N, C-alpha and C. Protein backbone atom coordinates (compact mmCIF):
# COMPACT_ATOMS: atom_id res chain seq x y z
N MET A 1 12.24 5.25 6.00
CA MET A 1 11.67 5.78 4.25
C MET A 1 11.57 4.48 3.88
N ILE A 2 10.40 4.11 2.55
CA ILE A 2 10.33 3.47 1.45
C ILE A 2 10.06 4.04 0.42
N GLY A 3 11.00 3.58 -0.66
CA GLY A 3 11.21 4.12 -1.86
C GLY A 3 9.87 3.65 -2.80
N ILE A 4 10.00 4.10 -4.37
CA ILE A 4 9.11 3.47 -5.25
C ILE A 4 9.60 2.21 -5.03
N GLY A 5 8.71 0.79 -5.41
CA GLY A 5 8.93 -0.06 -5.38
C GLY A 5 9.58 -0.71 -4.21
N GLU A 6 9.88 -0.46 -2.99
CA GLU A 6 10.58 -0.84 -1.89
C GLU A 6 9.54 -1.25 -0.92
N TYR A 7 9.72 -2.19 -0.16
CA TYR A 7 9.09 -2.71 1.05
C TYR A 7 9.45 -2.77 1.99
N ARG A 8 9.31 -3.18 3.61
CA ARG A 8 9.49 -3.32 4.70
C ARG A 8 8.71 -3.98 5.56
N VAL A 9 9.11 -5.18 6.54
CA VAL A 9 8.23 -5.84 7.33
C VAL A 9 9.04 -5.63 8.78
N GLY A 10 8.05 -5.24 9.88
CA GLY A 10 8.42 -5.35 11.21
C GLY A 10 7.51 -4.46 12.19
N SER A 11 8.05 -3.91 13.12
CA SER A 11 7.51 -3.26 13.97
C SER A 11 7.62 -1.94 14.28
N PHE A 12 8.67 -1.26 13.10
CA PHE A 12 9.31 -0.20 13.76
C PHE A 12 8.19 0.89 12.98
N PRO A 13 8.49 1.99 13.07
CA PRO A 13 7.95 3.26 12.13
C PRO A 13 8.37 3.08 10.72
N MET A 14 7.28 3.18 9.78
CA MET A 14 7.27 2.89 8.65
C MET A 14 7.19 4.35 7.81
N MET A 15 7.05 4.80 6.58
CA MET A 15 6.74 6.16 6.13
C MET A 15 7.13 5.90 4.24
N THR A 16 6.11 6.66 3.49
CA THR A 16 6.32 6.10 2.18
C THR A 16 5.72 8.02 1.89
N ILE A 17 6.89 8.52 1.18
CA ILE A 17 6.39 9.78 0.86
C ILE A 17 6.04 9.77 -1.02
N GLY A 18 5.63 11.28 -1.42
CA GLY A 18 5.49 11.14 -2.86
C GLY A 18 4.12 10.20 -3.26
N LEU A 19 3.19 9.85 -2.80
CA LEU A 19 2.57 8.87 -3.75
C LEU A 19 1.24 9.74 -4.24
N GLY A 20 1.88 9.58 -5.51
CA GLY A 20 0.82 10.23 -5.99
C GLY A 20 -0.30 9.12 -6.94
N SER A 21 0.11 8.72 -7.98
CA SER A 21 -0.51 7.53 -8.63
C SER A 21 -0.29 6.16 -8.12
N CYS A 22 0.69 6.41 -7.47
CA CYS A 22 1.40 4.69 -6.76
C CYS A 22 0.33 4.91 -5.55
N ILE A 23 0.44 3.28 -4.88
CA ILE A 23 -0.27 2.87 -3.92
C ILE A 23 1.05 2.69 -2.44
N GLY A 24 0.41 3.00 -1.31
CA GLY A 24 0.82 2.77 -0.02
C GLY A 24 0.06 1.79 0.64
N LEU A 25 0.35 0.62 0.81
CA LEU A 25 -0.63 -0.45 1.24
C LEU A 25 0.24 -1.09 2.42
N THR A 26 -0.66 -1.12 3.29
CA THR A 26 -0.13 -1.42 5.06
C THR A 26 -1.15 -2.73 5.27
N LEU A 27 -0.23 -4.12 5.75
CA LEU A 27 -0.57 -5.50 6.58
C LEU A 27 -0.72 -4.91 7.73
N TYR A 28 -1.69 -4.84 8.61
CA TYR A 28 -0.95 -5.53 9.80
C TYR A 28 -1.47 -6.51 10.61
N ASP A 29 -0.79 -6.83 11.45
CA ASP A 29 -1.40 -7.98 12.38
C ASP A 29 -1.52 -7.74 13.91
N PRO A 30 -2.74 -7.20 14.61
CA PRO A 30 -2.50 -6.36 16.15
C PRO A 30 -2.02 -7.40 16.74
N GLN A 31 -2.63 -8.60 16.44
CA GLN A 31 -1.62 -9.59 18.02
C GLN A 31 -0.17 -9.64 18.17
N LYS A 32 0.44 -9.27 17.45
CA LYS A 32 2.14 -9.20 17.19
C LYS A 32 2.02 -7.47 17.11
N LYS A 33 1.58 -6.78 17.01
CA LYS A 33 2.10 -5.65 16.47
C LYS A 33 3.09 -5.15 15.58
N THR A 34 3.14 -5.97 14.58
CA THR A 34 3.90 -5.95 13.65
C THR A 34 3.08 -5.88 12.23
N GLY A 35 3.75 -5.14 11.21
CA GLY A 35 3.10 -4.90 9.63
C GLY A 35 4.02 -4.95 8.16
N ALA A 36 3.51 -4.68 7.30
CA ALA A 36 4.55 -4.75 6.56
C ALA A 36 4.12 -3.44 5.61
N MET A 37 4.76 -2.62 5.18
CA MET A 37 4.15 -1.55 3.92
C MET A 37 5.23 -1.58 2.59
N VAL A 38 4.53 -1.09 1.65
CA VAL A 38 4.77 -1.44 0.20
C VAL A 38 4.57 -0.05 -0.49
N HIS A 39 5.67 0.30 -1.20
CA HIS A 39 4.91 1.31 -2.23
C HIS A 39 5.00 1.19 -3.56
N ILE A 40 4.05 0.79 -4.22
CA ILE A 40 3.61 0.11 -5.31
C ILE A 40 3.21 1.13 -6.42
N MET A 41 3.99 0.76 -7.48
CA MET A 41 3.98 1.92 -8.32
C MET A 41 2.91 1.36 -9.84
N LEU A 42 2.98 -0.05 -9.77
CA LEU A 42 2.03 -0.14 -11.19
C LEU A 42 1.15 -1.64 -10.88
N PRO A 43 0.09 -1.62 -11.60
CA PRO A 43 -0.36 -2.92 -11.41
C PRO A 43 0.06 -4.07 -11.63
N ASP A 44 0.66 -4.33 -12.81
CA ASP A 44 1.12 -5.55 -13.32
C ASP A 44 2.80 -5.81 -13.45
N SER A 45 3.47 -6.45 -13.25
CA SER A 45 4.81 -6.96 -13.37
C SER A 45 4.95 -7.12 -14.98
N GLY A 46 3.83 -8.07 -15.37
CA GLY A 46 3.91 -8.63 -16.80
C GLY A 46 5.20 -9.58 -17.01
N GLY A 47 5.40 -10.09 -16.00
CA GLY A 47 6.35 -11.16 -15.68
C GLY A 47 7.58 -10.76 -15.27
N ARG A 48 7.92 -9.38 -15.24
CA ARG A 48 9.36 -9.26 -14.65
C ARG A 48 9.19 -9.32 -12.94
N SER A 49 10.38 -9.65 -12.84
CA SER A 49 10.84 -10.01 -11.07
C SER A 49 11.93 -9.46 -10.50
N ASP A 50 12.43 -8.57 -11.26
CA ASP A 50 13.30 -7.42 -10.93
C ASP A 50 13.07 -6.75 -9.56
N ARG A 51 11.88 -6.51 -9.39
CA ARG A 51 11.60 -5.32 -7.89
C ARG A 51 10.04 -5.66 -7.81
N PRO A 52 9.70 -6.96 -7.34
CA PRO A 52 8.82 -7.50 -6.76
C PRO A 52 7.84 -6.12 -6.49
N GLY A 53 8.32 -5.26 -5.03
CA GLY A 53 7.54 -4.51 -4.63
C GLY A 53 6.99 -3.36 -5.00
N LYS A 54 7.06 -3.08 -6.91
CA LYS A 54 6.85 -1.86 -7.77
C LYS A 54 5.75 -2.46 -8.47
N TYR A 55 5.04 -3.50 -8.11
CA TYR A 55 4.08 -4.14 -9.04
C TYR A 55 2.89 -4.39 -7.79
N ALA A 56 1.70 -4.46 -7.97
CA ALA A 56 0.56 -5.23 -7.29
C ALA A 56 0.77 -6.58 -6.89
N ASP A 57 0.79 -7.09 -8.21
CA ASP A 57 0.62 -8.48 -8.86
C ASP A 57 1.77 -9.37 -8.03
N THR A 58 2.90 -8.63 -7.57
CA THR A 58 4.18 -9.07 -6.79
C THR A 58 4.00 -8.76 -5.76
N ALA A 59 4.00 -7.59 -5.06
CA ALA A 59 4.05 -7.34 -4.48
C ALA A 59 3.28 -8.00 -3.20
N ILE A 60 1.67 -7.70 -3.10
CA ILE A 60 1.15 -8.59 -2.37
C ILE A 60 1.31 -9.39 -1.70
N PRO A 61 1.78 -10.50 -2.49
CA PRO A 61 2.38 -11.99 -2.21
C PRO A 61 3.27 -12.31 -1.53
N LEU A 62 4.19 -11.16 -2.16
CA LEU A 62 5.81 -11.09 -1.23
C LEU A 62 5.39 -10.57 0.12
N LEU A 63 4.71 -9.88 0.35
CA LEU A 63 4.46 -8.88 1.57
C LEU A 63 3.79 -10.26 2.27
N LEU A 64 2.48 -10.84 2.13
CA LEU A 64 1.94 -11.99 2.48
C LEU A 64 2.78 -13.39 2.89
N LYS A 65 4.28 -13.43 2.09
CA LYS A 65 4.65 -15.07 2.09
C LYS A 65 5.78 -14.03 3.14
N GLU A 66 6.57 -13.18 3.34
CA GLU A 66 7.07 -12.64 4.47
C GLU A 66 6.11 -12.42 5.87
N LEU A 67 5.08 -12.17 5.85
CA LEU A 67 4.45 -11.81 7.29
C LEU A 67 4.33 -13.34 7.66
N ASP A 68 3.80 -14.23 7.09
CA ASP A 68 4.01 -16.06 7.55
C ASP A 68 4.94 -16.09 7.96
N GLN A 69 6.23 -15.64 7.41
CA GLN A 69 7.18 -16.63 7.81
C GLN A 69 7.70 -15.83 9.06
N ILE A 70 7.01 -14.67 9.67
CA ILE A 70 7.67 -14.44 11.28
C ILE A 70 6.00 -14.38 11.73
N GLY A 71 5.33 -15.54 11.53
CA GLY A 71 4.14 -16.10 12.32
C GLY A 71 2.65 -15.35 12.42
N CYS A 72 2.79 -14.51 11.70
CA CYS A 72 1.53 -13.82 11.43
C CYS A 72 0.72 -14.30 10.95
N SER A 73 -1.07 -14.03 11.17
CA SER A 73 -1.96 -14.93 11.13
C SER A 73 -2.38 -14.29 10.35
N ARG A 74 -2.73 -14.73 8.94
CA ARG A 74 -3.37 -13.82 7.79
C ARG A 74 -4.65 -13.55 7.91
N ARG A 75 -5.58 -14.48 9.00
CA ARG A 75 -6.96 -13.99 9.37
C ARG A 75 -6.89 -13.11 10.17
N SER A 76 -5.79 -12.18 11.07
CA SER A 76 -6.16 -11.00 11.80
C SER A 76 -5.02 -10.11 10.90
N LEU A 77 -5.18 -10.03 9.76
CA LEU A 77 -4.42 -8.87 9.23
C LEU A 77 -5.33 -7.82 8.66
N VAL A 78 -5.00 -6.78 8.93
CA VAL A 78 -5.63 -5.40 8.37
C VAL A 78 -4.97 -4.83 7.37
N ALA A 79 -5.59 -4.55 6.35
CA ALA A 79 -5.41 -4.02 4.85
C ALA A 79 -5.82 -2.57 5.14
N LYS A 80 -5.24 -1.66 4.73
CA LYS A 80 -5.01 -0.41 4.39
C LYS A 80 -4.70 0.13 3.13
N MET A 81 -4.65 0.97 2.34
CA MET A 81 -4.08 1.70 1.36
C MET A 81 -4.67 2.95 1.17
N ALA A 82 -3.30 3.85 0.76
CA ALA A 82 -3.63 4.89 0.15
C ALA A 82 -2.60 5.67 -0.58
N GLY A 83 -3.46 6.65 -1.49
CA GLY A 83 -2.73 6.82 -3.09
C GLY A 83 -3.72 6.61 -4.09
N GLY A 84 -2.90 6.49 -5.14
CA GLY A 84 -3.91 6.04 -6.25
C GLY A 84 -4.52 7.37 -6.89
N ALA A 85 -3.53 8.43 -6.66
CA ALA A 85 -4.17 10.08 -6.85
C ALA A 85 -4.56 9.79 -8.61
N CYS A 86 -5.20 10.90 -9.44
CA CYS A 86 -4.63 10.79 -10.61
C CYS A 86 -3.90 11.97 -11.38
N MET A 87 -2.95 11.88 -11.54
CA MET A 87 -2.18 12.81 -11.50
C MET A 87 -2.48 13.86 -12.79
N PHE A 88 -2.29 13.22 -14.38
CA PHE A 88 -2.30 13.40 -14.94
C PHE A 88 -3.69 13.16 -16.12
N GLU A 89 -4.95 13.90 -15.64
CA GLU A 89 -6.19 13.71 -16.14
C GLU A 89 -6.25 14.03 -17.49
N TYR A 90 -5.23 15.22 -17.91
CA TYR A 90 -5.31 15.27 -19.74
C TYR A 90 -5.09 14.33 -20.51
N PHE A 91 -4.72 13.16 -19.62
CA PHE A 91 -4.15 12.13 -20.67
C PHE A 91 -6.00 10.87 -20.59
N GLY A 92 -6.54 11.70 -20.21
CA GLY A 92 -7.99 10.55 -20.44
C GLY A 92 -7.89 9.54 -19.68
N THR A 93 -8.83 8.84 -19.30
CA THR A 93 -8.90 7.59 -18.15
C THR A 93 -8.17 6.80 -18.53
N ASN A 94 -8.18 6.28 -19.97
CA ASN A 94 -7.55 4.48 -19.89
C ASN A 94 -5.31 4.80 -19.73
N LEU A 95 -5.11 6.05 -19.24
CA LEU A 95 -3.99 5.86 -18.53
C LEU A 95 -4.28 6.63 -17.11
N ASN A 96 -5.15 6.69 -16.94
CA ASN A 96 -5.28 6.56 -15.12
C ASN A 96 -4.57 5.86 -14.34
N ILE A 97 -3.60 5.80 -14.37
CA ILE A 97 -2.53 4.33 -13.64
C ILE A 97 -3.21 4.36 -11.78
N GLY A 98 -3.41 5.87 -11.38
CA GLY A 98 -3.92 5.87 -9.95
C GLY A 98 -5.28 4.91 -9.69
N GLU A 99 -6.25 4.97 -10.41
CA GLU A 99 -7.18 3.49 -10.88
C GLU A 99 -6.94 2.84 -11.22
N ARG A 100 -6.01 2.31 -11.75
CA ARG A 100 -6.00 0.80 -12.26
C ARG A 100 -5.31 0.56 -10.72
N ASN A 101 -4.42 1.22 -10.75
CA ASN A 101 -3.60 0.75 -8.93
C ASN A 101 -4.49 0.30 -7.95
N THR A 102 -5.56 1.30 -7.76
CA THR A 102 -6.35 1.00 -6.86
C THR A 102 -7.27 -0.10 -6.74
N GLU A 103 -7.29 -0.39 -8.27
CA GLU A 103 -8.24 -1.34 -8.65
C GLU A 103 -8.05 -2.95 -8.06
N LYS A 104 -6.59 -2.84 -8.94
CA LYS A 104 -5.44 -3.84 -8.90
C LYS A 104 -5.48 -4.38 -7.30
N VAL A 105 -4.90 -3.45 -6.69
CA VAL A 105 -4.60 -3.85 -5.12
C VAL A 105 -6.03 -4.27 -4.78
N ARG A 106 -7.19 -3.80 -4.34
CA ARG A 106 -8.57 -4.35 -4.19
C ARG A 106 -8.67 -5.77 -4.69
N ALA A 107 -8.44 -5.82 -5.82
CA ALA A 107 -9.12 -7.26 -6.57
C ALA A 107 -8.14 -8.32 -6.02
N ILE A 108 -6.33 -8.41 -5.65
CA ILE A 108 -5.81 -9.13 -5.48
C ILE A 108 -5.66 -9.13 -3.39
N LEU A 109 -6.09 -8.27 -2.97
CA LEU A 109 -6.18 -8.40 -2.01
C LEU A 109 -7.87 -9.44 -1.50
N LYS A 110 -8.84 -9.27 -2.39
CA LYS A 110 -9.64 -10.08 -2.33
C LYS A 110 -9.68 -11.39 -2.48
N GLU A 111 -8.68 -11.64 -3.60
CA GLU A 111 -8.43 -12.80 -4.12
C GLU A 111 -7.89 -13.70 -2.66
N GLN A 112 -6.85 -13.02 -2.23
CA GLN A 112 -6.07 -13.44 -0.88
C GLN A 112 -6.95 -13.66 0.27
N GLY A 113 -8.28 -13.27 0.06
CA GLY A 113 -9.17 -13.53 1.56
C GLY A 113 -9.10 -12.70 2.68
N LEU A 114 -8.22 -11.50 1.89
CA LEU A 114 -8.24 -10.13 2.88
C LEU A 114 -8.86 -8.78 2.69
N LYS A 115 -10.15 -8.30 3.47
CA LYS A 115 -10.35 -7.42 3.41
C LYS A 115 -9.95 -6.03 3.72
N LEU A 116 -10.29 -4.84 2.98
CA LEU A 116 -9.55 -3.86 3.04
C LEU A 116 -10.54 -2.85 4.28
N SER A 117 -9.90 -2.45 5.02
CA SER A 117 -10.29 -2.08 6.65
C SER A 117 -10.38 -0.36 6.26
N ALA A 118 -9.85 0.04 5.36
CA ALA A 118 -9.42 1.54 5.40
C ALA A 118 -8.90 1.90 4.05
N GLU A 119 -9.27 3.05 3.25
CA GLU A 119 -8.47 3.68 2.15
C GLU A 119 -8.53 4.87 2.00
N ASP A 120 -7.82 5.16 1.60
CA ASP A 120 -7.48 7.04 1.02
C ASP A 120 -6.95 7.43 -0.07
N VAL A 121 -8.17 7.45 -0.94
CA VAL A 121 -7.55 7.03 -2.44
C VAL A 121 -8.13 8.07 -3.07
N GLY A 122 -7.26 7.84 -4.66
CA GLY A 122 -8.13 8.90 -5.67
C GLY A 122 -7.67 10.44 -5.19
N GLY A 123 -8.78 11.02 -6.09
CA GLY A 123 -8.76 12.88 -5.87
C GLY A 123 -7.29 13.00 -6.70
N LYS A 124 -7.08 14.02 -6.61
CA LYS A 124 -5.76 14.54 -7.42
C LYS A 124 -4.37 15.31 -6.90
N VAL A 125 -4.14 14.77 -5.55
CA VAL A 125 -3.31 15.43 -4.65
C VAL A 125 -2.36 13.91 -4.14
N GLY A 126 -1.19 14.53 -4.42
CA GLY A 126 0.11 13.17 -3.73
C GLY A 126 -0.64 12.94 -2.11
N ARG A 127 0.26 12.12 -1.73
CA ARG A 127 0.30 11.93 -0.08
C ARG A 127 1.47 11.45 0.27
N THR A 128 1.80 11.42 1.70
CA THR A 128 3.03 10.95 2.57
C THR A 128 2.10 10.62 3.37
N VAL A 129 2.24 9.08 3.88
CA VAL A 129 1.92 8.13 4.94
C VAL A 129 2.70 7.76 5.57
N THR A 130 2.36 7.72 7.20
CA THR A 130 3.21 6.87 8.13
C THR A 130 2.66 5.92 9.01
N PHE A 131 3.52 4.66 8.75
CA PHE A 131 2.53 3.61 9.59
C PHE A 131 3.33 3.17 10.66
N LEU A 132 2.52 3.09 12.02
CA LEU A 132 3.66 2.90 13.53
C LEU A 132 2.82 1.55 13.85
N PRO A 133 3.52 0.41 13.28
CA PRO A 133 2.84 -0.72 13.98
C PRO A 133 3.27 -1.15 15.15
N ALA A 134 4.23 -0.46 15.83
CA ALA A 134 3.92 -0.65 17.46
C ALA A 134 2.68 0.27 18.27
N SER A 135 2.21 0.84 17.66
CA SER A 135 1.25 1.61 18.16
C SER A 135 -0.05 1.20 17.76
N GLY A 136 -0.05 0.66 17.52
CA GLY A 136 -1.87 -0.36 17.11
C GLY A 136 -1.71 -0.13 15.91
N GLY A 137 -0.96 -0.19 15.23
CA GLY A 137 -0.90 -0.02 13.57
C GLY A 137 -1.51 1.42 13.15
N LYS A 138 -0.99 2.39 13.78
CA LYS A 138 -1.53 3.78 13.34
C LYS A 138 -1.17 4.04 11.67
N ILE A 139 -2.05 4.82 11.12
CA ILE A 139 -1.54 5.24 9.99
C ILE A 139 -1.93 6.81 9.69
N SER A 140 -0.97 7.81 9.46
CA SER A 140 -1.39 9.04 9.40
C SER A 140 -1.17 9.55 7.85
N ILE A 141 -1.71 10.32 7.19
CA ILE A 141 -1.68 10.93 5.51
C ILE A 141 -1.81 12.37 5.94
N ARG A 142 -0.71 12.87 5.37
CA ARG A 142 -0.64 13.96 4.87
C ARG A 142 -0.44 14.56 3.77
N ARG A 143 -1.69 14.86 3.11
CA ARG A 143 -1.63 15.24 1.52
C ARG A 143 -1.09 16.61 1.32
N ALA A 144 -0.64 16.94 -0.37
CA ALA A 144 0.24 17.81 -0.40
C ALA A 144 -1.06 19.10 -0.68
N ASP A 145 -2.27 18.76 -0.58
CA ASP A 145 -2.83 19.92 0.01
C ASP A 145 -2.95 20.48 1.25
N GLY A 146 -2.43 20.05 2.03
CA GLY A 146 -2.46 20.48 3.41
C GLY A 146 -3.39 19.81 4.59
N VAL A 147 -4.03 18.60 3.73
CA VAL A 147 -5.11 17.63 4.45
C VAL A 147 -4.49 16.83 5.37
N THR A 148 -4.92 16.85 6.67
CA THR A 148 -3.69 15.26 7.48
C THR A 148 -5.21 14.36 8.05
N SER A 149 -5.07 13.43 7.76
CA SER A 149 -5.99 12.64 8.27
C SER A 149 -5.42 11.26 8.85
N GLU A 150 -6.23 10.32 9.63
CA GLU A 150 -5.43 8.78 9.76
C GLU A 150 -6.61 8.11 9.39
N LEU A 151 -6.27 6.83 8.84
CA LEU A 151 -6.61 5.87 8.46
C LEU A 151 -7.11 4.48 10.05
């Protein structure tokens, strides 16, 4: 179980629940059948370093560093994300954290030379994401409205 601002790296099953405006990002190496998952809460750390998994700008470089350390090839990494819902639309678009999180993750992945291969983002419902690196990197999504899908 991966909570807000937490991450895991390995080949074991990983799950994060309650993704509203947060992003669940997975990076998967098909050759090693291992990967990483993080539950990103906000787009920018603003220089904070206490919980690097909490922010897109610190979480993604951290995952890449940890995957590099266990011998994963950056060229073969498969990136997928889910979440980024607009949970509080009455605040207006300026405070749409879900959209800002989604855009920031896309931008950082591009900067790092990684292609986003699949996503299930936006909307107005939360999601639970299960990631199975040892089973070909399978990702299952259960939405709060009862819809289930795979990435």
